[in-house]
Amino acid sequence: ERKGIMSAMLDYSRSREQLDELRAAHRRTRDKRKADRIKAVVALAT
């Protein structure tokens, strides 16, 4: 059965190391659009 988008989002996770790397990339990124996308990934994974 195909998952709905909400259940797929609830199953989304990243390792602690990946989250640390994403947070560091978020701080380094000058492009606000890219920073917002990184922030969304971190928020979804926590």
PDB file of N, CA and C in Angstrom:
ATOM      1  N   GLU A   1       0.851  -1.189   0.000  1.00  0.00           N
ATOM      2  CA  GLU A   1       0.000   0.000   0.000  1.00  0.00           C
ATOM      3  C   GLU A   1       0.888   1.241   0.000  1.00  0.00           C
ATOM      4  N   ARG A   2       0.514   2.205  -0.774  1.00  0.00           N
ATOM      5  CA  ARG A   2       1.284   3.442  -0.865  1.00  0.00           C
ATOM      6  C   ARG A   2       1.013   4.316   0.354  1.00  0.00           C
ATOM      7  N   LYS A   3       2.084   4.844   0.921  1.00  0.00           N
ATOM      8  CA  LYS A   3       1.933   5.706   2.094  1.00  0.00           C
ATOM      9  C   LYS A   3       1.406   7.077   1.686  1.00  0.00           C
ATOM     10  N   GLY A   4       0.618   7.657   2.556  1.00  0.00           N
ATOM     11  CA  GLY A   4       0.213   9.034   2.344  1.00  0.00           C
ATOM     12  C   GLY A   4       1.371   9.960   2.690  1.00  0.00           C
ATOM     13  N   ILE A   5       1.286  11.186   2.250  1.00  0.00           N
ATOM     14  CA  ILE A   5       2.397  12.119   2.483  1.00  0.00           C
ATOM     15  C   ILE A   5       2.607  12.382   3.975  1.00  0.00           C
ATOM     16  N   MET A   6       1.537  12.436   4.744  1.00  0.00           N
ATOM     17  CA  MET A   6       1.684  12.704   6.178  1.00  0.00           C
ATOM     18  C   MET A   6       2.397  11.560   6.884  1.00  0.00           C
ATOM     19  N   SER A   7       2.056  10.329   6.572  1.00  0.00           N
ATOM     20  CA  SER A   7       2.728   9.210   7.229  1.00  0.00           C
ATOM     21  C   SER A   7       4.176   9.117   6.774  1.00  0.00           C
ATOM     22  N   ALA A   8       4.450   9.472   5.527  1.00  0.00           N
ATOM     23  CA  ALA A   8       5.838   9.480   5.050  1.00  0.00           C
ATOM     24  C   ALA A   8       6.641  10.543   5.795  1.00  0.00           C
ATOM     25  N   MET A   9       6.035  11.685   6.059  1.00  0.00           N
ATOM     26  CA  MET A   9       6.735  12.752   6.783  1.00  0.00           C
ATOM     27  C   MET A   9       6.982  12.344   8.229  1.00  0.00           C
ATOM     28  N   LEU A  10       6.069  11.618   8.824  1.00  0.00           N
ATOM     29  CA  LEU A  10       6.240  11.196  10.211  1.00  0.00           C
ATOM     30  C   LEU A  10       7.352  10.167  10.352  1.00  0.00           C
ATOM     31  N   ASP A  11       7.622   9.422   9.290  1.00  0.00           N
ATOM     32  CA  ASP A  11       8.669   8.401   9.311  1.00  0.00           C
ATOM     33  C   ASP A  11      10.046   8.953   8.963  1.00  0.00           C
ATOM     34  N   TYR A  12      10.148  10.243   8.676  1.00  0.00           N
ATOM     35  CA  TYR A  12      11.406  10.843   8.221  1.00  0.00           C
ATOM     36  C   TYR A  12      12.353  11.014   9.404  1.00  0.00           C
ATOM     37  N   SER A  13      13.592  10.559   9.244  1.00  0.00           N
ATOM     38  CA  SER A  13      14.573  10.745  10.322  1.00  0.00           C
ATOM     39  C   SER A  13      15.969  10.840   9.736  1.00  0.00           C
ATOM     40  N   ARG A  14      16.857  11.405  10.492  1.00  0.00           N
ATOM     41  CA  ARG A  14      18.272  11.545  10.147  1.00  0.00           C
ATOM     42  C   ARG A  14      19.072  11.179  11.380  1.00  0.00           C
ATOM     43  N   SER A  15      20.292  10.705  11.168  1.00  0.00           N
ATOM     44  CA  SER A  15      21.155  10.361  12.301  1.00  0.00           C
ATOM     45  C   SER A  15      21.604  11.645  13.002  1.00  0.00           C
ATOM     46  N   ARG A  16      22.081  11.492  14.212  1.00  0.00           N
ATOM     47  CA  ARG A  16      22.568  12.653  14.969  1.00  0.00           C
ATOM     48  C   ARG A  16      23.701  13.350  14.220  1.00  0.00           C
ATOM     49  N   GLU A  17      24.589  12.550  13.613  1.00  0.00           N
ATOM     50  CA  GLU A  17      25.706  13.117  12.855  1.00  0.00           C
ATOM     51  C   GLU A  17      25.199  13.916  11.654  1.00  0.00           C
ATOM     52  N   GLN A  18      24.205  13.382  10.969  1.00  0.00           N
ATOM     53  CA  GLN A  18      23.642  14.092   9.818  1.00  0.00           C
ATOM     54  C   GLN A  18      22.990  15.397  10.258  1.00  0.00           C
ATOM     55  N   LEU A  19      22.271  15.363  11.376  1.00  0.00           N
ATOM     56  CA  LEU A  19      21.643  16.586  11.877  1.00  0.00           C
ATOM     57  C   LEU A  19      22.687  17.619  12.267  1.00  0.00           C
ATOM     58  N   ASP A  20      23.773  17.178  12.893  1.00  0.00           N
ATOM     59  CA  ASP A  20      24.854  18.105  13.250  1.00  0.00           C
ATOM     60  C   ASP A  20      25.448  18.750  12.004  1.00  0.00           C
ATOM     61  N   GLU A  21      25.653  17.946  10.953  1.00  0.00           N
ATOM     62  CA  GLU A  21      26.185  18.477   9.695  1.00  0.00           C
ATOM     63  C   GLU A  21      25.213  19.464   9.057  1.00  0.00           C
ATOM     64  N   LEU A  22      23.932  19.140   9.082  1.00  0.00           N
ATOM     65  CA  LEU A  22      22.931  20.041   8.519  1.00  0.00           C
ATOM     66  C   LEU A  22      22.857  21.351   9.295  1.00  0.00           C
ATOM     67  N   ARG A  23      22.927  21.276  10.606  1.00  0.00           N
ATOM     68  CA  ARG A  23      22.893  22.504  11.412  1.00  0.00           C
ATOM     69  C   ARG A  23      24.110  23.381  11.131  1.00  0.00           C
ATOM     70  N   ALA A  24      25.273  22.761  10.984  1.00  0.00           N
ATOM     71  CA  ALA A  24      26.486  23.518  10.654  1.00  0.00           C
ATOM     72  C   ALA A  24      26.348  24.155   9.269  1.00  0.00           C
ATOM     73  N   ALA A  25      25.809  23.414   8.313  1.00  0.00           N
ATOM     74  CA  ALA A  25      25.601  23.955   6.968  1.00  0.00           C
ATOM     75  C   ALA A  25      24.615  25.119   7.008  1.00  0.00           C
ATOM     76  N   HIS A  26      23.596  25.004   7.838  1.00  0.00           N
ATOM     77  CA  HIS A  26      22.609  26.078   7.981  1.00  0.00           C
ATOM     78  C   HIS A  26      23.276  27.358   8.480  1.00  0.00           C
ATOM     79  N   ARG A  27      24.161  27.219   9.459  1.00  0.00           N
ATOM     80  CA  ARG A  27      24.864  28.401   9.985  1.00  0.00           C
ATOM     81  C   ARG A  27      25.802  29.021   8.953  1.00  0.00           C
ATOM     82  N   ARG A  28      26.435  28.194   8.127  1.00  0.00           N
ATOM     83  CA  ARG A  28      27.403  28.685   7.131  1.00  0.00           C
ATOM     84  C   ARG A  28      26.749  29.299   5.900  1.00  0.00           C
ATOM     85  N   THR A  29      25.539  28.880   5.594  1.00  0.00           N
ATOM     86  CA  THR A  29      24.900  29.263   4.337  1.00  0.00           C
ATOM     87  C   THR A  29      24.488  30.723   4.344  1.00  0.00           C
ATOM     88  N   ARG A  30      24.945  31.434   3.324  1.00  0.00           N
ATOM     89  CA  ARG A  30      24.583  32.851   3.169  1.00  0.00           C
ATOM     90  C   ARG A  30      23.276  33.020   2.391  1.00  0.00           C
ATOM     91  N   ASP A  31      23.005  32.082   1.499  1.00  0.00           N
ATOM     92  CA  ASP A  31      21.787  32.128   0.691  1.00  0.00           C
ATOM     93  C   ASP A  31      20.594  31.771   1.585  1.00  0.00           C
ATOM     94  N   LYS A  32      19.723  32.738   1.805  1.00  0.00           N
ATOM     95  CA  LYS A  32      18.596  32.548   2.734  1.00  0.00           C
ATOM     96  C   LYS A  32      17.649  31.442   2.278  1.00  0.00           C
ATOM     97  N   ARG A  33      17.455  31.312   0.986  1.00  0.00           N
ATOM     98  CA  ARG A  33      16.561  30.263   0.483  1.00  0.00           C
ATOM     99  C   ARG A  33      17.125  28.880   0.809  1.00  0.00           C
ATOM    100  N   LYS A  34      18.426  28.697   0.586  1.00  0.00           N
ATOM    101  CA  LYS A  34      19.060  27.419   0.914  1.00  0.00           C
ATOM    102  C   LYS A  34      19.031  27.173   2.418  1.00  0.00           C
ATOM    103  N   ALA A  35      19.280  28.220   3.202  1.00  0.00           N
ATOM    104  CA  ALA A  35      19.261  28.084   4.658  1.00  0.00           C
ATOM    105  C   ALA A  35      17.874  27.646   5.138  1.00  0.00           C
ATOM    106  N   ASP A  36      16.834  28.218   4.556  1.00  0.00           N
ATOM    107  CA  ASP A  36      15.467  27.839   4.934  1.00  0.00           C
ATOM    108  C   ASP A  36      15.162  26.388   4.572  1.00  0.00           C
ATOM    109  N   ARG A  37      15.669  25.926   3.447  1.00  0.00           N
ATOM    110  CA  ARG A  37      15.453  24.528   3.054  1.00  0.00           C
ATOM    111  C   ARG A  37      16.160  23.580   4.012  1.00  0.00           C
ATOM    112  N   ILE A  38      17.389  23.927   4.388  1.00  0.00           N
ATOM    113  CA  ILE A  38      18.126  23.101   5.349  1.00  0.00           C
ATOM    114  C   ILE A  38      17.383  23.072   6.679  1.00  0.00           C
ATOM    115  N   LYS A  39      16.914  24.232   7.113  1.00  0.00           N
ATOM    116  CA  LYS A  39      16.179  24.328   8.377  1.00  0.00           C
ATOM    117  C   LYS A  39      14.914  23.464   8.350  1.00  0.00           C
ATOM    118  N   ALA A  40      14.238  23.418   7.215  1.00  0.00           N
ATOM    119  CA  ALA A  40      13.032  22.596   7.083  1.00  0.00           C
ATOM    120  C   ALA A  40      13.362  21.111   7.211  1.00  0.00           C
ATOM    121  N   VAL A  41      14.466  20.683   6.629  1.00  0.00           N
ATOM    122  CA  VAL A  41      14.881  19.280   6.734  1.00  0.00           C
ATOM    123  C   VAL A  41      15.186  18.934   8.185  1.00  0.00           C
ATOM    124  N   VAL A  42      15.906  19.827   8.871  1.00  0.00           N
ATOM    125  CA  VAL A  42      16.237  19.588  10.283  1.00  0.00           C
ATOM    126  C   VAL A  42      14.956  19.517  11.114  1.00  0.00           C
ATOM    127  N   ALA A  43      14.046  20.447  10.893  1.00  0.00           N
ATOM    128  CA  ALA A  43      12.793  20.463  11.657  1.00  0.00           C
ATOM    129  C   ALA A  43      11.970  19.198  11.408  1.00  0.00           C
ATOM    130  N   LEU A  44      11.928  18.747  10.179  1.00  0.00           N
ATOM    131  CA  LEU A  44      11.166  17.545   9.843  1.00  0.00           C
ATOM    132  C   LEU A  44      11.765  16.302  10.495  1.00  0.00           C
ATOM    133  N   ALA A  45      13.082  16.295  10.643  1.00  0.00           N
ATOM    134  CA  ALA A  45      13.775  15.115  11.172  1.00  0.00           C
ATOM    135  C   ALA A  45      13.841  15.089  12.700  1.00  0.00           C
ATOM    136  N   THR A  46      13.412  16.158  13.347  1.00  0.00           N
ATOM    137  CA  THR A  46      13.478  16.186  14.822  1.00  0.00           C
ATOM    138  C   THR A  46      12.101  16.104  15.438  1.00  0.00           C
TER     139      THR A  46
END
